Amino acid sequence: MSDLQLDDILKELSAREPIFDSREFGTSRADLERMTDEAFWEIGASGKIYQRSYVIETLLKRYDKAPEPHGWPCRDFTITPLADKLFLLSYTLEEPGRITRRSTIWRRTDEGWKIVFHQGTPLS
């Protein structure tokens, strides 16, 4: 894979982050199922492990409420190819009152990008 192709993938995936905080990729159960791999799981900032079904149910409750203020700065994006059509995207997210280092594993499929794994680790 060329550096140019990798740069294009970096731009495409970084536009999707922070995952689940932006509503532009959809907020319905079908949208969330479409964007997450069936094997999706997450390690939250608390260190707890969350499976796909729990994350989707939690997000649906959040999306029922008024949109939260977002637009928090993301910076220092890096991309690492892990396997054919599988990429690790890492970045720093500056939320009010905390900074986290985020990692998302993305899989390119015939249906589009799917999230396989996500972790957010507080830095401060």
N, C-alpha and C. Protein backbone atom coordinates (compact mmCIF):
# COMPACT_ATOMS: atom_id res chain seq x y z
N MET A 1 0.85 -1.17 0.00
CA MET A 1 0.00 0.00 0.00
C MET A 1 0.90 1.24 0.00
N SER A 2 0.60 2.16 -0.87
CA SER A 2 1.43 3.35 -0.99
C SER A 2 1.10 4.35 0.13
N ASP A 3 2.03 5.27 0.37
CA ASP A 3 1.81 6.32 1.37
C ASP A 3 0.62 7.19 0.98
N LEU A 4 0.44 7.40 -0.32
CA LEU A 4 -0.69 8.20 -0.80
C LEU A 4 -2.02 7.52 -0.47
N GLN A 5 -2.09 6.22 -0.68
CA GLN A 5 -3.31 5.48 -0.34
C GLN A 5 -3.56 5.54 1.16
N LEU A 6 -2.51 5.38 1.93
CA LEU A 6 -2.63 5.42 3.39
C LEU A 6 -3.07 6.81 3.85
N ASP A 7 -2.56 7.85 3.23
CA ASP A 7 -2.99 9.22 3.56
C ASP A 7 -4.48 9.41 3.26
N ASP A 8 -4.96 8.85 2.16
CA ASP A 8 -6.38 8.94 1.82
C ASP A 8 -7.24 8.23 2.86
N ILE A 9 -6.78 7.06 3.31
CA ILE A 9 -7.51 6.31 4.33
C ILE A 9 -7.51 7.08 5.65
N LEU A 10 -6.36 7.68 5.99
CA LEU A 10 -6.27 8.49 7.21
C LEU A 10 -7.28 9.63 7.17
N LYS A 11 -7.38 10.33 6.06
CA LYS A 11 -8.34 11.43 5.92
C LYS A 11 -9.78 10.93 6.05
N GLU A 12 -10.05 9.82 5.39
CA GLU A 12 -11.40 9.27 5.40
C GLU A 12 -11.83 8.84 6.81
N LEU A 13 -10.94 8.16 7.52
CA LEU A 13 -11.29 7.68 8.85
C LEU A 13 -11.27 8.79 9.90
N SER A 14 -10.32 9.69 9.81
CA SER A 14 -10.27 10.76 10.80
C SER A 14 -11.52 11.65 10.73
N ALA A 15 -12.14 11.73 9.56
CA ALA A 15 -13.38 12.49 9.42
C ALA A 15 -14.54 11.83 10.16
N ARG A 16 -14.40 10.56 10.52
CA ARG A 16 -15.45 9.83 11.22
C ARG A 16 -15.28 9.86 12.75
N GLU A 17 -14.21 10.46 13.20
CA GLU A 17 -13.93 10.48 14.63
C GLU A 17 -14.27 11.84 15.22
N PRO A 18 -14.61 11.92 16.49
CA PRO A 18 -14.75 10.79 17.40
C PRO A 18 -16.02 9.99 17.08
N ILE A 19 -15.87 8.70 17.03
CA ILE A 19 -16.99 7.83 16.67
C ILE A 19 -18.13 8.02 17.67
N PHE A 20 -19.31 7.89 17.19
CA PHE A 20 -20.55 7.94 17.95
C PHE A 20 -20.89 9.33 18.51
N ASP A 21 -19.96 10.28 18.48
CA ASP A 21 -20.25 11.60 19.01
C ASP A 21 -20.88 12.50 17.96
N SER A 22 -20.63 12.21 16.71
CA SER A 22 -21.22 12.97 15.63
C SER A 22 -22.44 12.21 15.12
N ARG A 23 -23.47 12.95 14.81
CA ARG A 23 -24.71 12.29 14.36
C ARG A 23 -24.81 12.18 12.84
N GLU A 24 -23.81 12.68 12.14
CA GLU A 24 -23.90 12.72 10.68
C GLU A 24 -23.86 11.34 10.02
N PHE A 25 -23.37 10.32 10.72
CA PHE A 25 -23.33 8.98 10.14
C PHE A 25 -24.53 8.14 10.57
N GLY A 26 -25.48 8.79 11.27
CA GLY A 26 -26.72 8.13 11.63
C GLY A 26 -26.85 7.88 13.11
N THR A 27 -28.11 7.77 13.54
CA THR A 27 -28.40 7.58 14.96
C THR A 27 -29.41 6.46 15.21
N SER A 28 -29.82 5.78 14.18
CA SER A 28 -30.79 4.69 14.36
C SER A 28 -30.07 3.39 14.68
N ARG A 29 -30.81 2.42 15.15
CA ARG A 29 -30.23 1.10 15.41
C ARG A 29 -29.59 0.55 14.13
N ALA A 30 -30.29 0.70 13.01
CA ALA A 30 -29.76 0.20 11.74
C ALA A 30 -28.44 0.89 11.38
N ASP A 31 -28.38 2.21 11.61
CA ASP A 31 -27.14 2.96 11.34
C ASP A 31 -26.00 2.43 12.20
N LEU A 32 -26.25 2.26 13.50
CA LEU A 32 -25.21 1.80 14.42
C LEU A 32 -24.78 0.37 14.11
N GLU A 33 -25.73 -0.47 13.74
CA GLU A 33 -25.38 -1.84 13.35
C GLU A 33 -24.57 -1.85 12.06
N ARG A 34 -24.90 -0.96 11.15
CA ARG A 34 -24.18 -0.88 9.87
C ARG A 34 -22.73 -0.41 10.08
N MET A 35 -22.52 0.51 11.02
CA MET A 35 -21.17 1.05 11.20
C MET A 35 -20.30 0.23 12.15
N THR A 36 -20.89 -0.71 12.88
CA THR A 36 -20.10 -1.55 13.78
C THR A 36 -20.05 -2.98 13.27
N ASP A 37 -18.88 -3.57 13.37
CA ASP A 37 -18.69 -4.97 13.04
C ASP A 37 -19.48 -5.83 14.05
N GLU A 38 -19.93 -6.99 13.64
CA GLU A 38 -20.67 -7.86 14.57
C GLU A 38 -19.83 -8.22 15.78
N ALA A 39 -18.52 -8.24 15.63
CA ALA A 39 -17.62 -8.60 16.74
C ALA A 39 -17.15 -7.36 17.52
N PHE A 40 -17.73 -6.18 17.24
CA PHE A 40 -17.30 -4.94 17.90
C PHE A 40 -17.33 -5.06 19.41
N TRP A 41 -16.31 -4.48 20.04
CA TRP A 41 -16.29 -4.29 21.48
C TRP A 41 -15.45 -3.07 21.79
N GLU A 42 -15.58 -2.60 23.04
CA GLU A 42 -14.94 -1.35 23.42
C GLU A 42 -14.40 -1.45 24.84
N ILE A 43 -13.30 -0.79 25.08
CA ILE A 43 -12.81 -0.59 26.44
C ILE A 43 -13.02 0.88 26.74
N GLY A 44 -13.88 1.16 27.71
CA GLY A 44 -14.19 2.54 28.06
C GLY A 44 -13.07 3.18 28.87
N ALA A 45 -13.20 4.48 29.08
CA ALA A 45 -12.21 5.22 29.86
C ALA A 45 -12.10 4.68 31.28
N SER A 46 -13.17 4.02 31.75
CA SER A 46 -13.17 3.43 33.09
C SER A 46 -12.38 2.12 33.15
N GLY A 47 -12.04 1.58 31.97
CA GLY A 47 -11.38 0.28 31.90
C GLY A 47 -12.36 -0.87 31.74
N LYS A 48 -13.66 -0.56 31.80
CA LYS A 48 -14.68 -1.60 31.62
C LYS A 48 -14.79 -1.99 30.15
N ILE A 49 -15.15 -3.24 29.93
CA ILE A 49 -15.35 -3.76 28.58
C ILE A 49 -16.83 -3.73 28.25
N TYR A 50 -17.15 -3.23 27.06
CA TYR A 50 -18.53 -3.13 26.61
C TYR A 50 -18.68 -3.85 25.28
N GLN A 51 -19.70 -4.69 25.19
CA GLN A 51 -19.99 -5.41 23.95
C GLN A 51 -20.87 -4.55 23.05
N ARG A 52 -20.95 -4.94 21.81
CA ARG A 52 -21.68 -4.19 20.78
C ARG A 52 -23.11 -3.87 21.20
N SER A 53 -23.84 -4.85 21.69
CA SER A 53 -25.25 -4.64 22.03
C SER A 53 -25.41 -3.58 23.11
N TYR A 54 -24.56 -3.59 24.12
CA TYR A 54 -24.63 -2.60 25.19
C TYR A 54 -24.33 -1.20 24.65
N VAL A 55 -23.30 -1.09 23.83
CA VAL A 55 -22.92 0.21 23.26
C VAL A 55 -24.07 0.76 22.42
N ILE A 56 -24.67 -0.08 21.58
CA ILE A 56 -25.77 0.38 20.74
C ILE A 56 -26.95 0.84 21.58
N GLU A 57 -27.33 0.08 22.60
CA GLU A 57 -28.46 0.47 23.46
C GLU A 57 -28.17 1.79 24.17
N THR A 58 -26.94 1.95 24.67
CA THR A 58 -26.55 3.18 25.35
C THR A 58 -26.61 4.37 24.41
N LEU A 59 -26.12 4.19 23.20
CA LEU A 59 -26.13 5.27 22.22
C LEU A 59 -27.55 5.65 21.81
N LEU A 60 -28.42 4.68 21.65
CA LEU A 60 -29.80 4.98 21.28
C LEU A 60 -30.47 5.84 22.34
N LYS A 61 -30.19 5.57 23.62
CA LYS A 61 -30.73 6.40 24.70
C LYS A 61 -30.16 7.81 24.63
N ARG A 62 -28.86 7.91 24.36
CA ARG A 62 -28.23 9.23 24.25
C ARG A 62 -28.82 10.01 23.07
N TYR A 63 -29.02 9.35 21.94
CA TYR A 63 -29.51 10.03 20.75
C TYR A 63 -30.97 10.48 20.89
N ASP A 64 -31.73 9.87 21.83
CA ASP A 64 -33.10 10.31 22.07
C ASP A 64 -33.15 11.69 22.69
N LYS A 65 -32.07 12.09 23.33
CA LYS A 65 -32.00 13.40 23.99
C LYS A 65 -31.55 14.45 22.99
N ALA A 66 -31.59 15.68 23.41
CA ALA A 66 -31.11 16.78 22.57
C ALA A 66 -29.63 16.56 22.28
N PRO A 67 -29.16 16.97 21.11
CA PRO A 67 -27.75 16.80 20.77
C PRO A 67 -26.84 17.48 21.80
N GLU A 68 -25.79 16.76 22.17
CA GLU A 68 -24.81 17.33 23.08
C GLU A 68 -23.91 18.29 22.30
N PRO A 69 -23.37 19.28 22.99
CA PRO A 69 -22.40 20.15 22.32
C PRO A 69 -21.13 19.36 22.03
N HIS A 70 -20.69 19.39 20.81
CA HIS A 70 -19.46 18.68 20.46
C HIS A 70 -18.57 19.62 19.68
N GLY A 71 -17.85 19.07 18.75
CA GLY A 71 -16.89 19.88 18.03
C GLY A 71 -15.58 19.95 18.80
N TRP A 72 -15.40 18.98 19.70
CA TRP A 72 -14.17 18.95 20.47
C TRP A 72 -13.00 18.65 19.56
N PRO A 73 -11.88 19.31 19.80
CA PRO A 73 -10.73 19.13 18.91
C PRO A 73 -10.14 17.72 18.98
N CYS A 74 -9.87 17.18 17.82
CA CYS A 74 -9.13 15.93 17.68
C CYS A 74 -7.81 16.28 17.00
N ARG A 75 -6.73 15.66 17.44
CA ARG A 75 -5.43 15.98 16.85
C ARG A 75 -4.53 14.76 16.90
N ASP A 76 -3.38 14.90 16.28
CA ASP A 76 -2.33 13.87 16.30
C ASP A 76 -2.81 12.52 15.75
N PHE A 77 -3.55 12.56 14.64
CA PHE A 77 -4.03 11.32 14.03
C PHE A 77 -2.87 10.52 13.46
N THR A 78 -2.89 9.22 13.70
CA THR A 78 -1.95 8.30 13.06
C THR A 78 -2.75 7.10 12.57
N ILE A 79 -2.23 6.48 11.52
CA ILE A 79 -2.88 5.28 10.97
C ILE A 79 -1.84 4.19 10.82
N THR A 80 -2.23 2.97 11.18
CA THR A 80 -1.35 1.82 11.07
C THR A 80 -2.12 0.68 10.41
N PRO A 81 -1.64 0.20 9.27
CA PRO A 81 -2.29 -0.98 8.68
C PRO A 81 -1.99 -2.21 9.56
N LEU A 82 -3.02 -2.97 9.87
CA LEU A 82 -2.85 -4.17 10.70
C LEU A 82 -2.89 -5.45 9.87
N ALA A 83 -3.73 -5.46 8.88
CA ALA A 83 -3.91 -6.61 7.99
C ALA A 83 -4.63 -6.09 6.75
N ASP A 84 -4.89 -6.97 5.82
CA ASP A 84 -5.62 -6.57 4.63
C ASP A 84 -6.97 -5.97 5.03
N LYS A 85 -7.20 -4.72 4.68
CA LYS A 85 -8.46 -4.00 4.92
C LYS A 85 -8.74 -3.74 6.40
N LEU A 86 -7.71 -3.78 7.24
CA LEU A 86 -7.86 -3.55 8.68
C LEU A 86 -6.84 -2.51 9.13
N PHE A 87 -7.33 -1.44 9.80
CA PHE A 87 -6.47 -0.30 10.13
C PHE A 87 -6.71 0.16 11.57
N LEU A 88 -5.63 0.55 12.23
CA LEU A 88 -5.70 1.14 13.55
C LEU A 88 -5.54 2.65 13.41
N LEU A 89 -6.56 3.39 13.85
CA LEU A 89 -6.52 4.85 13.85
C LEU A 89 -6.39 5.31 15.29
N SER A 90 -5.38 6.13 15.58
CA SER A 90 -5.18 6.68 16.92
C SER A 90 -5.17 8.19 16.85
N TYR A 91 -5.63 8.82 17.93
CA TYR A 91 -5.66 10.28 17.97
C TYR A 91 -5.87 10.74 19.41
N THR A 92 -5.75 12.03 19.62
CA THR A 92 -6.02 12.64 20.91
C THR A 92 -7.29 13.46 20.81
N LEU A 93 -8.18 13.31 21.79
CA LEU A 93 -9.43 14.05 21.85
C LEU A 93 -9.41 14.96 23.07
N GLU A 94 -9.70 16.24 22.85
CA GLU A 94 -9.74 17.22 23.93
C GLU A 94 -11.19 17.53 24.28
N GLU A 95 -11.68 16.90 25.33
CA GLU A 95 -13.02 17.15 25.83
C GLU A 95 -12.93 18.18 26.96
N PRO A 96 -14.05 18.82 27.28
CA PRO A 96 -14.01 19.74 28.43
C PRO A 96 -13.63 18.98 29.71
N GLY A 97 -12.55 19.37 30.32
CA GLY A 97 -12.13 18.75 31.58
C GLY A 97 -11.29 17.51 31.47
N ARG A 98 -11.06 17.00 30.27
CA ARG A 98 -10.19 15.82 30.15
C ARG A 98 -9.68 15.66 28.73
N ILE A 99 -8.53 15.04 28.65
CA ILE A 99 -7.92 14.70 27.37
C ILE A 99 -7.79 13.19 27.32
N THR A 100 -8.19 12.58 26.21
CA THR A 100 -8.08 11.13 26.08
C THR A 100 -7.32 10.76 24.81
N ARG A 101 -6.63 9.66 24.90
CA ARG A 101 -6.00 9.06 23.72
C ARG A 101 -6.96 8.00 23.25
N ARG A 102 -7.35 8.08 21.97
CA ARG A 102 -8.35 7.18 21.41
C ARG A 102 -7.71 6.27 20.36
N SER A 103 -8.19 5.05 20.32
CA SER A 103 -7.77 4.09 19.30
C SER A 103 -9.01 3.39 18.77
N THR A 104 -9.13 3.34 17.46
CA THR A 104 -10.24 2.65 16.81
C THR A 104 -9.67 1.75 15.73
N ILE A 105 -10.11 0.50 15.73
CA ILE A 105 -9.75 -0.42 14.65
C ILE A 105 -10.92 -0.43 13.67
N TRP A 106 -10.59 -0.12 12.42
CA TRP A 106 -11.57 -0.03 11.33
C TRP A 106 -11.31 -1.12 10.30
N ARG A 107 -12.41 -1.71 9.80
CA ARG A 107 -12.34 -2.70 8.73
C ARG A 107 -13.05 -2.15 7.50
N ARG A 108 -12.39 -2.21 6.35
CA ARG A 108 -13.03 -1.82 5.10
C ARG A 108 -13.78 -3.03 4.55
N THR A 109 -15.08 -2.85 4.30
CA THR A 109 -15.91 -3.94 3.78
C THR A 109 -16.59 -3.47 2.50
N ASP A 110 -17.26 -4.37 1.84
CA ASP A 110 -18.01 -4.00 0.64
C ASP A 110 -19.13 -3.02 0.97
N GLU A 111 -19.62 -3.03 2.22
CA GLU A 111 -20.69 -2.13 2.64
C GLU A 111 -20.16 -0.80 3.17
N GLY A 112 -18.85 -0.66 3.30
CA GLY A 112 -18.26 0.55 3.84
C GLY A 112 -17.40 0.25 5.05
N TRP A 113 -17.01 1.30 5.77
CA TRP A 113 -16.16 1.16 6.96
C TRP A 113 -16.97 0.64 8.14
N LYS A 114 -16.36 -0.31 8.87
CA LYS A 114 -16.98 -0.84 10.09
C LYS A 114 -15.98 -0.74 11.24
N ILE A 115 -16.51 -0.38 12.41
CA ILE A 115 -15.69 -0.27 13.61
C ILE A 115 -15.62 -1.65 14.25
N VAL A 116 -14.40 -2.12 14.49
CA VAL A 116 -14.19 -3.44 15.09
C VAL A 116 -13.92 -3.30 16.59
N PHE A 117 -13.20 -2.25 16.96
CA PHE A 117 -12.77 -2.07 18.36
C PHE A 117 -12.55 -0.58 18.61
N HIS A 118 -12.78 -0.17 19.85
CA HIS A 118 -12.52 1.20 20.24
C HIS A 118 -12.07 1.25 21.70
N GLN A 119 -11.13 2.15 21.98
CA GLN A 119 -10.69 2.38 23.35
C GLN A 119 -10.37 3.85 23.55
N GLY A 120 -10.76 4.37 24.70
CA GLY A 120 -10.41 5.73 25.10
C GLY A 120 -9.70 5.68 26.44
N THR A 121 -8.50 6.23 26.50
CA THR A 121 -7.71 6.22 27.72
C THR A 121 -7.44 7.65 28.17
N PRO A 122 -7.90 8.01 29.38
CA PRO A 122 -7.65 9.38 29.86
C PRO A 122 -6.15 9.66 30.03
N LEU A 123 -5.72 10.84 29.58
CA LEU A 123 -4.35 11.27 29.77
C LEU A 123 -4.22 12.20 30.96
N SER A 124 -5.30 12.90 31.25
CA SER A 124 -5.27 13.81 32.40
C SER A 124 -6.65 14.01 32.95
